[in-house]
N, C-alpha and C. Protein backbone atom coordinates (compact mmCIF):
# COMPACT_ATOMS: atom_id res chain seq x y z
N MET A 1 -10.52 -5.01 10.50
CA MET A 1 -9.18 -5.08 11.09
C MET A 1 -8.53 -3.72 11.07
N GLY A 2 -7.98 -3.27 12.18
CA GLY A 2 -7.21 -2.05 12.21
C GLY A 2 -5.74 -2.36 12.03
N PHE A 3 -4.92 -1.37 12.26
CA PHE A 3 -3.47 -1.56 12.14
C PHE A 3 -2.99 -2.59 13.14
N SER A 4 -2.16 -3.53 12.69
CA SER A 4 -1.65 -4.58 13.55
C SER A 4 -0.53 -4.04 14.43
N THR A 5 -0.57 -4.37 15.71
CA THR A 5 0.50 -3.96 16.62
C THR A 5 1.82 -4.65 16.28
N ILE A 6 1.75 -5.68 15.45
CA ILE A 6 2.97 -6.35 15.00
C ILE A 6 3.93 -5.34 14.39
N TRP A 7 3.39 -4.39 13.60
CA TRP A 7 4.24 -3.44 12.90
C TRP A 7 4.79 -2.38 13.84
N GLU A 8 4.03 -2.00 14.83
CA GLU A 8 4.56 -1.09 15.85
C GLU A 8 5.75 -1.74 16.55
N ASP A 9 5.61 -3.02 16.85
CA ASP A 9 6.70 -3.75 17.51
C ASP A 9 7.93 -3.84 16.61
N LYS A 10 7.71 -4.07 15.32
CA LYS A 10 8.84 -4.16 14.38
C LYS A 10 9.59 -2.83 14.31
N TYR A 11 8.84 -1.73 14.20
CA TYR A 11 9.49 -0.42 14.08
C TYR A 11 10.20 -0.03 15.38
N LYS A 12 9.62 -0.38 16.51
CA LYS A 12 10.29 -0.12 17.79
C LYS A 12 11.62 -0.87 17.88
N SER A 13 11.65 -2.03 17.22
CA SER A 13 12.86 -2.86 17.23
C SER A 13 13.79 -2.55 16.06
N ASN A 14 13.47 -1.46 15.34
CA ASN A 14 14.28 -1.03 14.19
C ASN A 14 14.33 -2.09 13.09
N LEU A 15 13.21 -2.77 12.87
CA LEU A 15 13.08 -3.73 11.78
C LEU A 15 12.22 -3.14 10.68
N GLU A 16 12.33 -3.69 9.46
CA GLU A 16 11.53 -3.27 8.30
C GLU A 16 11.73 -1.79 7.97
N LEU A 17 12.94 -1.29 8.15
CA LEU A 17 13.20 0.14 7.94
C LEU A 17 13.75 0.40 6.54
N SER A 18 12.95 0.13 5.53
CA SER A 18 13.36 0.42 4.15
C SER A 18 13.42 1.93 3.95
N ILE A 19 14.54 2.42 3.41
CA ILE A 19 14.71 3.88 3.29
C ILE A 19 14.89 4.34 1.85
N TRP A 20 14.95 3.42 0.88
CA TRP A 20 15.15 3.82 -0.51
C TRP A 20 13.82 3.83 -1.24
N PRO A 21 13.52 4.89 -2.00
CA PRO A 21 12.26 4.93 -2.76
C PRO A 21 12.12 3.72 -3.67
N TRP A 22 10.91 3.20 -3.77
CA TRP A 22 10.66 2.02 -4.60
C TRP A 22 10.66 2.42 -6.08
N ASP A 23 11.42 1.66 -6.87
CA ASP A 23 11.56 1.97 -8.30
C ASP A 23 10.20 2.08 -8.99
N GLU A 24 9.30 1.14 -8.66
CA GLU A 24 7.99 1.13 -9.33
C GLU A 24 7.17 2.37 -8.96
N VAL A 25 7.30 2.83 -7.73
CA VAL A 25 6.58 4.05 -7.34
C VAL A 25 7.05 5.22 -8.20
N ILE A 26 8.35 5.34 -8.36
CA ILE A 26 8.90 6.43 -9.18
C ILE A 26 8.46 6.30 -10.63
N ALA A 27 8.62 5.10 -11.20
CA ALA A 27 8.30 4.89 -12.61
C ALA A 27 6.82 5.12 -12.90
N LEU A 28 5.95 4.56 -12.07
CA LEU A 28 4.52 4.68 -12.33
C LEU A 28 4.01 6.10 -12.09
N THR A 29 4.59 6.80 -11.13
CA THR A 29 4.21 8.20 -10.91
C THR A 29 4.58 9.04 -12.13
N HIS A 30 5.77 8.85 -12.65
CA HIS A 30 6.19 9.58 -13.85
C HIS A 30 5.30 9.23 -15.04
N ARG A 31 4.94 7.97 -15.15
CA ARG A 31 4.20 7.51 -16.33
C ARG A 31 2.72 7.91 -16.29
N HIS A 32 2.14 7.95 -15.10
CA HIS A 32 0.69 8.13 -15.01
C HIS A 32 0.26 9.46 -14.41
N CYS A 33 1.19 10.28 -13.97
CA CYS A 33 0.84 11.58 -13.39
C CYS A 33 1.63 12.69 -14.07
N ASN A 34 1.06 13.87 -14.05
CA ASN A 34 1.74 15.05 -14.58
C ASN A 34 2.56 15.68 -13.46
N ILE A 35 3.83 15.30 -13.38
CA ILE A 35 4.64 15.77 -12.25
C ILE A 35 5.07 17.23 -12.40
N LYS A 36 4.73 17.84 -13.54
CA LYS A 36 5.05 19.26 -13.71
C LYS A 36 4.10 20.14 -12.91
N LYS A 37 2.96 19.57 -12.52
CA LYS A 37 2.04 20.33 -11.67
C LYS A 37 2.28 19.92 -10.22
N GLU A 38 1.78 20.72 -9.32
CA GLU A 38 1.97 20.46 -7.89
C GLU A 38 0.95 19.42 -7.43
N LEU A 39 1.38 18.18 -7.37
CA LEU A 39 0.48 17.08 -7.04
C LEU A 39 0.13 17.05 -5.56
N ILE A 40 -1.06 16.56 -5.27
CA ILE A 40 -1.43 16.19 -3.91
C ILE A 40 -1.38 14.66 -3.86
N VAL A 41 -0.50 14.14 -3.01
CA VAL A 41 -0.25 12.70 -2.93
C VAL A 41 -0.56 12.21 -1.53
N LEU A 42 -1.23 11.07 -1.45
CA LEU A 42 -1.53 10.44 -0.17
C LEU A 42 -0.98 9.01 -0.20
N GLU A 43 -0.16 8.68 0.78
CA GLU A 43 0.38 7.32 0.87
C GLU A 43 -0.27 6.59 2.04
N LEU A 44 -0.74 5.37 1.78
CA LEU A 44 -1.34 4.54 2.81
C LEU A 44 -0.26 3.63 3.39
N GLY A 45 0.06 3.84 4.66
CA GLY A 45 1.10 3.03 5.28
C GLY A 45 2.47 3.35 4.72
N CYS A 46 3.01 4.49 5.11
CA CYS A 46 4.28 4.96 4.54
C CYS A 46 5.49 4.26 5.14
N GLY A 47 5.29 3.48 6.22
CA GLY A 47 6.42 2.79 6.84
C GLY A 47 7.49 3.77 7.27
N ALA A 48 8.73 3.44 6.95
CA ALA A 48 9.86 4.28 7.36
C ALA A 48 10.09 5.47 6.45
N GLY A 49 9.15 5.72 5.53
CA GLY A 49 9.22 6.93 4.71
C GLY A 49 10.09 6.82 3.48
N ALA A 50 10.24 5.61 2.95
CA ALA A 50 11.13 5.41 1.80
C ALA A 50 10.78 6.27 0.60
N ASN A 51 9.48 6.51 0.39
CA ASN A 51 9.06 7.24 -0.82
C ASN A 51 9.02 8.76 -0.64
N ILE A 52 9.16 9.22 0.58
CA ILE A 52 9.02 10.66 0.84
C ILE A 52 10.05 11.50 0.08
N PRO A 53 11.34 11.14 0.07
CA PRO A 53 12.31 11.97 -0.67
C PRO A 53 11.96 12.12 -2.15
N PHE A 54 11.42 11.07 -2.76
CA PHE A 54 11.02 11.19 -4.16
C PHE A 54 9.93 12.23 -4.32
N PHE A 55 8.90 12.16 -3.49
CA PHE A 55 7.80 13.12 -3.63
C PHE A 55 8.23 14.54 -3.25
N GLN A 56 9.19 14.64 -2.34
CA GLN A 56 9.79 15.96 -2.08
C GLN A 56 10.48 16.49 -3.33
N SER A 57 11.17 15.62 -4.04
CA SER A 57 11.96 16.05 -5.21
C SER A 57 11.08 16.58 -6.34
N ILE A 58 9.82 16.12 -6.40
CA ILE A 58 8.92 16.63 -7.45
C ILE A 58 7.98 17.70 -6.89
N LYS A 59 8.29 18.13 -5.65
CA LYS A 59 7.57 19.24 -5.00
C LYS A 59 6.08 18.95 -4.81
N ALA A 60 5.78 17.70 -4.52
CA ALA A 60 4.39 17.32 -4.26
C ALA A 60 3.99 17.72 -2.84
N ASN A 61 2.70 17.93 -2.65
CA ASN A 61 2.14 18.06 -1.31
C ASN A 61 1.85 16.64 -0.84
N TYR A 62 2.63 16.17 0.10
CA TYR A 62 2.62 14.76 0.49
C TYR A 62 1.89 14.57 1.82
N TYR A 63 0.98 13.61 1.82
CA TYR A 63 0.25 13.23 3.03
C TYR A 63 0.42 11.72 3.22
N ALA A 64 0.46 11.28 4.46
CA ALA A 64 0.55 9.85 4.72
C ALA A 64 -0.18 9.52 6.01
N ILE A 65 -0.84 8.38 6.01
CA ILE A 65 -1.42 7.86 7.25
C ILE A 65 -0.77 6.51 7.53
N GLU A 66 -0.17 6.42 8.69
CA GLU A 66 0.64 5.26 9.08
C GLU A 66 0.20 4.81 10.47
N GLY A 67 0.12 3.50 10.67
CA GLY A 67 -0.42 2.97 11.92
C GLY A 67 0.53 2.93 13.09
N SER A 68 1.82 3.09 12.86
CA SER A 68 2.79 3.00 13.95
C SER A 68 3.15 4.38 14.48
N GLN A 69 2.80 4.63 15.73
CA GLN A 69 3.12 5.92 16.35
C GLN A 69 4.63 6.13 16.43
N THR A 70 5.36 5.06 16.65
CA THR A 70 6.83 5.16 16.75
C THR A 70 7.43 5.72 15.48
N ILE A 71 7.06 5.15 14.34
CA ILE A 71 7.66 5.58 13.08
C ILE A 71 7.13 6.95 12.66
N VAL A 72 5.87 7.24 12.99
CA VAL A 72 5.32 8.56 12.66
C VAL A 72 6.10 9.66 13.38
N LYS A 73 6.39 9.46 14.64
CA LYS A 73 7.16 10.47 15.39
C LYS A 73 8.55 10.65 14.79
N ARG A 74 9.18 9.56 14.39
CA ARG A 74 10.51 9.66 13.78
C ARG A 74 10.45 10.46 12.48
N LEU A 75 9.45 10.16 11.67
CA LEU A 75 9.33 10.86 10.38
C LEU A 75 9.01 12.33 10.57
N GLN A 76 8.14 12.64 11.51
CA GLN A 76 7.80 14.04 11.77
C GLN A 76 9.03 14.82 12.22
N ASN A 77 9.91 14.17 12.96
CA ASN A 77 11.15 14.82 13.40
C ASN A 77 12.17 14.94 12.27
N SER A 78 12.12 13.99 11.33
CA SER A 78 13.11 13.96 10.24
C SER A 78 12.79 14.92 9.11
N PHE A 79 11.49 15.11 8.84
CA PHE A 79 11.09 15.92 7.69
C PHE A 79 10.46 17.22 8.17
N ASN A 80 11.28 18.24 8.27
CA ASN A 80 10.82 19.56 8.68
C ASN A 80 10.41 20.34 7.44
N ASP A 81 9.24 20.00 6.92
CA ASP A 81 8.79 20.53 5.63
C ASP A 81 7.28 20.70 5.70
N SER A 82 6.80 21.90 5.44
CA SER A 82 5.36 22.17 5.55
C SER A 82 4.54 21.39 4.53
N LYS A 83 5.20 20.86 3.50
CA LYS A 83 4.49 20.09 2.48
C LYS A 83 4.46 18.59 2.78
N ILE A 84 5.04 18.19 3.91
CA ILE A 84 5.04 16.80 4.33
C ILE A 84 4.13 16.67 5.55
N ASN A 85 3.05 15.92 5.41
CA ASN A 85 2.05 15.80 6.46
C ASN A 85 1.83 14.32 6.77
N ILE A 86 2.19 13.90 7.96
CA ILE A 86 2.10 12.48 8.33
C ILE A 86 1.33 12.37 9.64
N THR A 87 0.37 11.46 9.66
CA THR A 87 -0.41 11.25 10.88
C THR A 87 -0.50 9.77 11.19
N CYS A 88 -0.79 9.47 12.44
CA CYS A 88 -0.95 8.09 12.88
C CYS A 88 -2.44 7.75 12.91
N GLY A 89 -2.80 6.64 12.30
CA GLY A 89 -4.20 6.24 12.30
C GLY A 89 -4.41 4.93 11.57
N ASP A 90 -5.66 4.51 11.52
CA ASP A 90 -6.07 3.27 10.85
C ASP A 90 -6.75 3.64 9.54
N PHE A 91 -6.04 3.45 8.42
CA PHE A 91 -6.59 3.91 7.14
C PHE A 91 -7.75 3.06 6.64
N THR A 92 -8.04 1.94 7.30
CA THR A 92 -9.24 1.19 6.91
C THR A 92 -10.51 1.84 7.45
N LYS A 93 -10.33 2.82 8.35
CA LYS A 93 -11.48 3.49 8.96
C LYS A 93 -11.60 4.96 8.55
N ASP A 94 -10.46 5.65 8.42
CA ASP A 94 -10.48 7.07 8.11
C ASP A 94 -9.09 7.48 7.65
N PHE A 95 -9.02 8.38 6.67
CA PHE A 95 -7.72 8.87 6.21
C PHE A 95 -7.26 10.11 6.97
N GLU A 96 -8.13 10.69 7.79
CA GLU A 96 -7.77 11.75 8.75
C GLU A 96 -7.60 13.15 8.15
N PHE A 97 -7.36 13.27 6.85
CA PHE A 97 -7.07 14.58 6.26
C PHE A 97 -8.31 15.11 5.51
N ASP A 98 -9.27 15.61 6.26
CA ASP A 98 -10.53 16.05 5.65
C ASP A 98 -10.34 17.17 4.64
N GLU A 99 -9.29 17.96 4.82
CA GLU A 99 -9.08 19.12 3.95
C GLU A 99 -8.73 18.74 2.51
N ILE A 100 -8.37 17.48 2.27
CA ILE A 100 -8.02 17.09 0.89
C ILE A 100 -9.02 16.09 0.30
N ILE A 101 -10.17 15.92 0.94
CA ILE A 101 -11.20 15.04 0.37
C ILE A 101 -11.61 15.56 -1.00
N GLY A 102 -11.60 14.69 -2.00
CA GLY A 102 -11.99 15.06 -3.35
C GLY A 102 -10.95 15.85 -4.12
N LYS A 103 -9.73 16.00 -3.55
CA LYS A 103 -8.70 16.84 -4.19
C LYS A 103 -7.41 16.07 -4.53
N VAL A 104 -7.32 14.82 -4.16
CA VAL A 104 -6.05 14.09 -4.26
C VAL A 104 -5.79 13.62 -5.69
N ASP A 105 -4.57 13.86 -6.16
CA ASP A 105 -4.17 13.42 -7.50
C ASP A 105 -3.73 11.96 -7.52
N LEU A 106 -3.09 11.53 -6.44
CA LEU A 106 -2.48 10.20 -6.43
C LEU A 106 -2.51 9.62 -5.03
N ILE A 107 -2.99 8.38 -4.93
CA ILE A 107 -2.92 7.61 -3.69
C ILE A 107 -2.04 6.39 -3.95
N ILE A 108 -1.08 6.18 -3.05
CA ILE A 108 -0.10 5.11 -3.19
C ILE A 108 -0.29 4.07 -2.09
N ASP A 109 -0.26 2.80 -2.48
CA ASP A 109 -0.21 1.71 -1.51
C ASP A 109 0.84 0.71 -1.97
N ARG A 110 1.85 0.53 -1.16
CA ARG A 110 2.85 -0.49 -1.48
C ARG A 110 2.93 -1.49 -0.33
N GLY A 111 2.10 -2.54 -0.43
CA GLY A 111 2.16 -3.62 0.53
C GLY A 111 1.55 -3.33 1.89
N SER A 112 0.77 -2.25 2.00
CA SER A 112 0.13 -1.93 3.28
C SER A 112 -1.33 -2.37 3.31
N LEU A 113 -2.03 -2.10 2.24
CA LEU A 113 -3.46 -2.43 2.20
C LEU A 113 -3.68 -3.94 2.27
N THR A 114 -2.73 -4.71 1.74
CA THR A 114 -2.92 -6.16 1.66
C THR A 114 -2.55 -6.89 2.94
N ILE A 115 -2.38 -6.20 4.04
CA ILE A 115 -2.26 -6.88 5.33
C ILE A 115 -3.51 -6.60 6.16
N ASN A 116 -4.64 -6.56 5.44
CA ASN A 116 -5.94 -6.34 6.06
C ASN A 116 -6.93 -7.41 5.58
N THR A 117 -8.11 -7.39 6.15
CA THR A 117 -9.16 -8.32 5.76
C THR A 117 -9.95 -7.77 4.58
N THR A 118 -10.83 -8.60 4.04
CA THR A 118 -11.67 -8.17 2.93
C THR A 118 -12.50 -6.95 3.30
N SER A 119 -13.11 -6.96 4.47
CA SER A 119 -13.95 -5.82 4.87
C SER A 119 -13.11 -4.56 5.03
N GLY A 120 -11.91 -4.69 5.60
CA GLY A 120 -11.04 -3.54 5.75
C GLY A 120 -10.61 -2.96 4.42
N ILE A 121 -10.31 -3.83 3.47
CA ILE A 121 -9.90 -3.37 2.14
C ILE A 121 -11.06 -2.70 1.42
N LYS A 122 -12.25 -3.26 1.52
CA LYS A 122 -13.41 -2.64 0.87
C LYS A 122 -13.71 -1.27 1.48
N ASN A 123 -13.59 -1.15 2.79
CA ASN A 123 -13.79 0.16 3.43
C ASN A 123 -12.77 1.17 2.93
N THR A 124 -11.52 0.71 2.79
CA THR A 124 -10.45 1.60 2.33
C THR A 124 -10.70 2.06 0.90
N ILE A 125 -11.17 1.17 0.05
CA ILE A 125 -11.44 1.54 -1.34
C ILE A 125 -12.53 2.61 -1.41
N GLU A 126 -13.52 2.54 -0.54
CA GLU A 126 -14.54 3.59 -0.50
C GLU A 126 -13.92 4.93 -0.11
N LEU A 127 -12.99 4.90 0.83
CA LEU A 127 -12.29 6.13 1.22
C LEU A 127 -11.42 6.65 0.08
N ILE A 128 -10.77 5.74 -0.63
CA ILE A 128 -9.96 6.13 -1.79
C ILE A 128 -10.83 6.88 -2.80
N LYS A 129 -12.02 6.35 -3.06
CA LYS A 129 -12.94 7.01 -4.00
C LYS A 129 -13.30 8.42 -3.55
N SER A 130 -13.51 8.59 -2.26
CA SER A 130 -13.94 9.90 -1.77
C SER A 130 -12.79 10.91 -1.76
N TYR A 131 -11.57 10.46 -1.59
CA TYR A 131 -10.42 11.37 -1.51
C TYR A 131 -9.86 11.75 -2.87
N LEU A 132 -9.92 10.84 -3.83
CA LEU A 132 -9.40 11.17 -5.16
C LEU A 132 -10.29 12.17 -5.87
N LYS A 133 -9.70 13.06 -6.61
CA LYS A 133 -10.48 13.92 -7.49
C LYS A 133 -10.81 13.12 -8.75
N PRO A 134 -11.79 13.55 -9.56
CA PRO A 134 -12.07 12.85 -10.81
C PRO A 134 -10.80 12.78 -11.67
N GLY A 135 -10.48 11.60 -12.14
CA GLY A 135 -9.24 11.41 -12.89
C GLY A 135 -8.03 11.11 -12.03
N GLY A 136 -8.20 11.19 -10.70
CA GLY A 136 -7.11 10.87 -9.78
C GLY A 136 -6.76 9.39 -9.85
N LYS A 137 -5.53 9.05 -9.50
CA LYS A 137 -5.02 7.69 -9.67
C LYS A 137 -4.76 7.01 -8.32
N PHE A 138 -5.03 5.72 -8.30
CA PHE A 138 -4.59 4.86 -7.20
C PHE A 138 -3.57 3.88 -7.75
N ILE A 139 -2.40 3.84 -7.15
CA ILE A 139 -1.37 2.88 -7.54
C ILE A 139 -1.24 1.84 -6.43
N GLY A 140 -1.55 0.59 -6.77
CA GLY A 140 -1.41 -0.52 -5.84
C GLY A 140 -0.24 -1.39 -6.26
N LEU A 141 0.68 -1.62 -5.36
CA LEU A 141 1.87 -2.41 -5.67
C LEU A 141 1.96 -3.64 -4.77
N ASP A 142 2.34 -4.75 -5.38
CA ASP A 142 2.58 -6.00 -4.65
C ASP A 142 1.33 -6.52 -3.95
N TRP A 143 0.24 -6.62 -4.71
CA TRP A 143 -0.95 -7.30 -4.21
C TRP A 143 -0.75 -8.79 -4.46
N TYR A 144 -0.74 -9.57 -3.40
CA TYR A 144 -0.35 -10.98 -3.49
C TYR A 144 -1.34 -11.79 -4.33
N ASP A 145 -0.78 -12.64 -5.17
CA ASP A 145 -1.53 -13.45 -6.13
C ASP A 145 -1.79 -14.84 -5.53
N ILE A 146 -2.99 -15.38 -5.78
CA ILE A 146 -3.28 -16.74 -5.31
C ILE A 146 -2.41 -17.78 -6.04
N ASP A 147 -1.87 -17.40 -7.19
CA ASP A 147 -1.04 -18.33 -7.97
C ASP A 147 0.42 -18.22 -7.53
N CYS A 148 0.64 -18.54 -6.26
CA CYS A 148 2.01 -18.53 -5.72
C CYS A 148 2.12 -19.62 -4.67
N ASP A 149 3.33 -19.97 -4.33
CA ASP A 149 3.53 -21.07 -3.39
C ASP A 149 3.06 -20.73 -1.98
N TYR A 150 3.08 -19.45 -1.60
CA TYR A 150 2.61 -19.08 -0.27
C TYR A 150 1.14 -19.45 -0.10
N TYR A 151 0.35 -19.17 -1.13
CA TYR A 151 -1.09 -19.45 -1.05
C TYR A 151 -1.35 -20.95 -0.96
N LYS A 152 -0.46 -21.74 -1.52
CA LYS A 152 -0.64 -23.20 -1.52
C LYS A 152 -0.22 -23.84 -0.20
N ASP A 153 0.29 -23.05 0.72
CA ASP A 153 0.73 -23.56 2.02
C ASP A 153 -0.48 -24.13 2.78
N SER A 154 -0.47 -25.41 3.01
CA SER A 154 -1.62 -26.08 3.63
C SER A 154 -1.78 -25.73 5.11
N THR A 155 -0.76 -25.11 5.70
CA THR A 155 -0.84 -24.77 7.13
C THR A 155 -1.39 -23.37 7.37
N LYS A 156 -1.68 -22.63 6.31
CA LYS A 156 -2.18 -21.26 6.49
C LYS A 156 -3.54 -21.30 7.19
N ILE A 157 -3.83 -20.25 7.93
CA ILE A 157 -5.05 -20.17 8.73
C ILE A 157 -6.00 -19.17 8.08
N MET A 158 -7.20 -19.61 7.72
CA MET A 158 -8.15 -18.74 7.04
C MET A 158 -8.78 -17.74 8.00
N VAL A 159 -8.78 -16.47 7.58
CA VAL A 159 -9.47 -15.41 8.32
C VAL A 159 -10.79 -15.09 7.62
N ASP A 160 -10.73 -14.92 6.29
CA ASP A 160 -11.93 -14.86 5.45
C ASP A 160 -11.56 -15.46 4.10
N ASN A 161 -12.42 -15.32 3.10
CA ASN A 161 -12.20 -16.01 1.82
C ASN A 161 -10.92 -15.59 1.10
N HIS A 162 -10.37 -14.43 1.44
CA HIS A 162 -9.16 -13.95 0.77
C HIS A 162 -8.00 -13.67 1.73
N THR A 163 -8.26 -13.77 3.02
CA THR A 163 -7.27 -13.38 4.03
C THR A 163 -6.83 -14.57 4.87
N TYR A 164 -5.51 -14.64 5.09
CA TYR A 164 -4.95 -15.77 5.84
C TYR A 164 -3.86 -15.27 6.79
N LYS A 165 -3.58 -16.10 7.79
CA LYS A 165 -2.43 -15.88 8.67
C LYS A 165 -1.50 -17.09 8.55
N PHE A 166 -0.22 -16.84 8.83
CA PHE A 166 0.79 -17.87 8.68
C PHE A 166 1.60 -18.00 9.96
N ASP A 167 1.83 -19.25 10.38
CA ASP A 167 2.65 -19.51 11.56
C ASP A 167 4.09 -19.83 11.21
N SER A 168 4.36 -20.00 9.91
CA SER A 168 5.72 -20.31 9.49
C SER A 168 5.97 -19.72 8.10
N GLY A 169 7.22 -19.68 7.69
CA GLY A 169 7.55 -19.16 6.37
C GLY A 169 7.73 -17.66 6.35
N ASP A 170 7.82 -17.10 5.13
CA ASP A 170 8.12 -15.68 4.96
C ASP A 170 7.05 -14.76 5.54
N PHE A 171 5.79 -15.21 5.61
CA PHE A 171 4.71 -14.37 6.11
C PHE A 171 4.45 -14.57 7.60
N SER A 172 5.22 -15.41 8.24
CA SER A 172 5.05 -15.62 9.67
C SER A 172 5.33 -14.32 10.42
N GLY A 173 4.43 -13.96 11.33
CA GLY A 173 4.62 -12.74 12.11
C GLY A 173 4.12 -11.48 11.44
N TYR A 174 3.47 -11.60 10.28
CA TYR A 174 2.98 -10.43 9.56
C TYR A 174 1.49 -10.18 9.77
N GLY A 175 0.83 -11.02 10.54
CA GLY A 175 -0.60 -10.84 10.73
C GLY A 175 -1.38 -11.26 9.51
N ASN A 176 -2.42 -10.51 9.16
CA ASN A 176 -3.25 -10.84 8.01
C ASN A 176 -2.51 -10.64 6.70
N VAL A 177 -2.73 -11.56 5.76
CA VAL A 177 -2.17 -11.44 4.41
C VAL A 177 -3.30 -11.71 3.42
N TYR A 178 -3.50 -10.77 2.51
CA TYR A 178 -4.64 -10.79 1.59
C TYR A 178 -4.19 -11.25 0.20
N PHE A 179 -4.93 -12.19 -0.39
CA PHE A 179 -4.59 -12.72 -1.71
C PHE A 179 -5.71 -12.41 -2.71
N SER A 180 -5.30 -12.14 -3.96
CA SER A 180 -6.25 -11.80 -5.02
C SER A 180 -5.90 -12.57 -6.29
N ASP A 181 -6.76 -12.43 -7.27
CA ASP A 181 -6.41 -12.78 -8.64
C ASP A 181 -6.86 -11.62 -9.52
N GLU A 182 -6.63 -11.72 -10.82
CA GLU A 182 -6.96 -10.62 -11.73
C GLU A 182 -8.43 -10.22 -11.62
N ASN A 183 -9.32 -11.20 -11.65
CA ASN A 183 -10.75 -10.89 -11.63
C ASN A 183 -11.17 -10.25 -10.31
N HIS A 184 -10.56 -10.69 -9.22
CA HIS A 184 -10.94 -10.11 -7.92
C HIS A 184 -10.52 -8.65 -7.82
N ILE A 185 -9.34 -8.33 -8.33
CA ILE A 185 -8.90 -6.93 -8.33
C ILE A 185 -9.86 -6.09 -9.17
N LYS A 186 -10.23 -6.60 -10.32
CA LYS A 186 -11.18 -5.87 -11.18
C LYS A 186 -12.53 -5.70 -10.49
N GLU A 187 -12.94 -6.70 -9.74
CA GLU A 187 -14.20 -6.61 -9.00
C GLU A 187 -14.11 -5.56 -7.89
N LEU A 188 -13.02 -5.59 -7.13
CA LEU A 188 -12.85 -4.62 -6.04
C LEU A 188 -12.86 -3.19 -6.56
N PHE A 189 -12.26 -2.98 -7.74
CA PHE A 189 -12.13 -1.64 -8.31
C PHE A 189 -13.07 -1.45 -9.50
N SER A 190 -14.25 -2.03 -9.39
CA SER A 190 -15.22 -1.96 -10.50
C SER A 190 -15.74 -0.54 -10.73
N ASP A 191 -15.63 0.33 -9.74
CA ASP A 191 -16.06 1.72 -9.91
C ASP A 191 -14.95 2.60 -10.48
N PHE A 192 -13.81 2.01 -10.79
CA PHE A 192 -12.67 2.72 -11.35
C PHE A 192 -12.40 2.20 -12.76
N LYS A 193 -11.56 2.93 -13.48
CA LYS A 193 -11.04 2.45 -14.75
C LYS A 193 -9.60 1.99 -14.51
N ILE A 194 -9.32 0.72 -14.78
CA ILE A 194 -7.97 0.22 -14.57
C ILE A 194 -7.15 0.50 -15.82
N ASP A 195 -6.17 1.38 -15.68
CA ASP A 195 -5.32 1.79 -16.80
C ASP A 195 -4.13 0.87 -17.01
N TYR A 196 -3.74 0.18 -15.95
CA TYR A 196 -2.52 -0.63 -16.01
C TYR A 196 -2.63 -1.76 -15.00
N LEU A 197 -2.29 -2.97 -15.44
CA LEU A 197 -2.33 -4.13 -14.55
C LEU A 197 -1.27 -5.12 -15.01
N ILE A 198 -0.36 -5.45 -14.13
CA ILE A 198 0.71 -6.37 -14.48
C ILE A 198 0.83 -7.45 -13.41
N ASN A 199 1.10 -8.67 -13.85
CA ASN A 199 1.32 -9.79 -12.95
C ASN A 199 2.83 -10.03 -12.85
N ASN A 200 3.39 -9.78 -11.69
CA ASN A 200 4.83 -9.95 -11.47
C ASN A 200 5.09 -11.37 -10.96
N ILE A 201 5.78 -12.17 -11.74
CA ILE A 201 6.05 -13.56 -11.37
C ILE A 201 7.56 -13.77 -11.25
N LYS A 202 7.97 -14.34 -10.14
CA LYS A 202 9.38 -14.68 -9.93
C LYS A 202 9.47 -16.14 -9.52
N ASN A 203 10.19 -16.91 -10.31
CA ASN A 203 10.41 -18.32 -10.00
C ASN A 203 11.83 -18.52 -9.48
N GLN A 204 11.93 -18.67 -8.18
CA GLN A 204 13.24 -18.94 -7.58
C GLN A 204 13.61 -20.40 -7.84
N LEU A 205 14.82 -20.63 -8.31
CA LEU A 205 15.27 -21.98 -8.63
C LEU A 205 16.16 -22.58 -7.55
N LEU A 206 17.03 -21.77 -6.99
CA LEU A 206 17.95 -22.24 -5.96
C LEU A 206 18.02 -21.22 -4.82
N PRO A 207 18.26 -21.59 -3.58
CA PRO A 207 18.53 -22.96 -3.15
C PRO A 207 17.28 -23.83 -3.03
N THR A 208 16.12 -23.19 -2.87
CA THR A 208 14.86 -23.94 -2.78
C THR A 208 13.89 -23.37 -3.80
N PRO A 209 13.30 -24.19 -4.66
CA PRO A 209 12.33 -23.68 -5.63
C PRO A 209 11.17 -22.97 -4.93
N LEU A 210 10.84 -21.78 -5.42
CA LEU A 210 9.75 -21.00 -4.82
C LEU A 210 9.16 -20.08 -5.88
N ARG A 211 7.85 -20.14 -6.03
CA ARG A 211 7.16 -19.27 -6.98
C ARG A 211 6.51 -18.13 -6.22
N ARG A 212 6.92 -16.90 -6.54
CA ARG A 212 6.30 -15.70 -5.98
C ARG A 212 5.52 -15.00 -7.08
N SER A 213 4.37 -14.45 -6.74
CA SER A 213 3.56 -13.78 -7.75
C SER A 213 2.72 -12.69 -7.09
N SER A 214 2.67 -11.54 -7.74
CA SER A 214 1.88 -10.42 -7.20
C SER A 214 1.40 -9.54 -8.35
N PHE A 215 0.51 -8.63 -8.03
CA PHE A 215 -0.04 -7.69 -9.02
C PHE A 215 0.35 -6.26 -8.67
N THR A 216 0.59 -5.49 -9.70
CA THR A 216 0.74 -4.04 -9.59
C THR A 216 -0.24 -3.42 -10.57
N PHE A 217 -0.94 -2.37 -10.14
CA PHE A 217 -1.96 -1.82 -11.03
C PHE A 217 -2.19 -0.34 -10.75
N VAL A 218 -2.79 0.32 -11.73
CA VAL A 218 -3.17 1.72 -11.62
C VAL A 218 -4.66 1.81 -11.91
N ALA A 219 -5.42 2.33 -10.95
CA ALA A 219 -6.87 2.49 -11.10
C ALA A 219 -7.21 3.98 -11.07
N VAL A 220 -8.06 4.39 -11.99
CA VAL A 220 -8.40 5.81 -12.16
C VAL A 220 -9.83 6.05 -11.69
N LYS A 221 -10.01 7.09 -10.87
CA LYS A 221 -11.37 7.46 -10.47
C LYS A 221 -12.12 8.03 -11.66
N ILE A 222 -13.27 7.47 -11.93
CA ILE A 222 -14.07 7.92 -13.08
C ILE A 222 -14.88 9.15 -12.69
């Protein structure tokens, strides 16, 4: 699966335009990376660029591959900085920045990788391995857990053993949605050392009971 045109349509319509850096991205970068050095950072699916100001603030060399040409053009016009490099492409096939292969300190994914199929995710993990330097980190945020009410939706449409599409509910209109559990994440990243893994569970009580659950983790290239 390549980048879904659903997201190009959303950005053209000025939807999903999150502009504030994610707290977990900031916290985990501080905790797991030496921000006193000039990091090389690659973000998979940067969206509207919410995390870019944070990486600018720590003087990182920032790279991003994003599937929406509309949002890429906006970001390129907004960030006139030689250390900010953003390109349009399908990160399940190629990261596009050959000059940083084997040199990257940190790769970030916040909810982008998990809108792909199993084969797309496995291809991306191989690219992650090739781009990270030894000891480099991959931070994955909000990997959807099978132990949530969304996964129990009997109307979901199976794409493969871990990937589904939804015609109704919160995931309607998002294309592929990938679900994991702890063991599956460990299996996918078996060539890495997982330094941190947390299961984020939120039980909504009102107005309608809803259990949300996802994983956030840090995997280190050995």
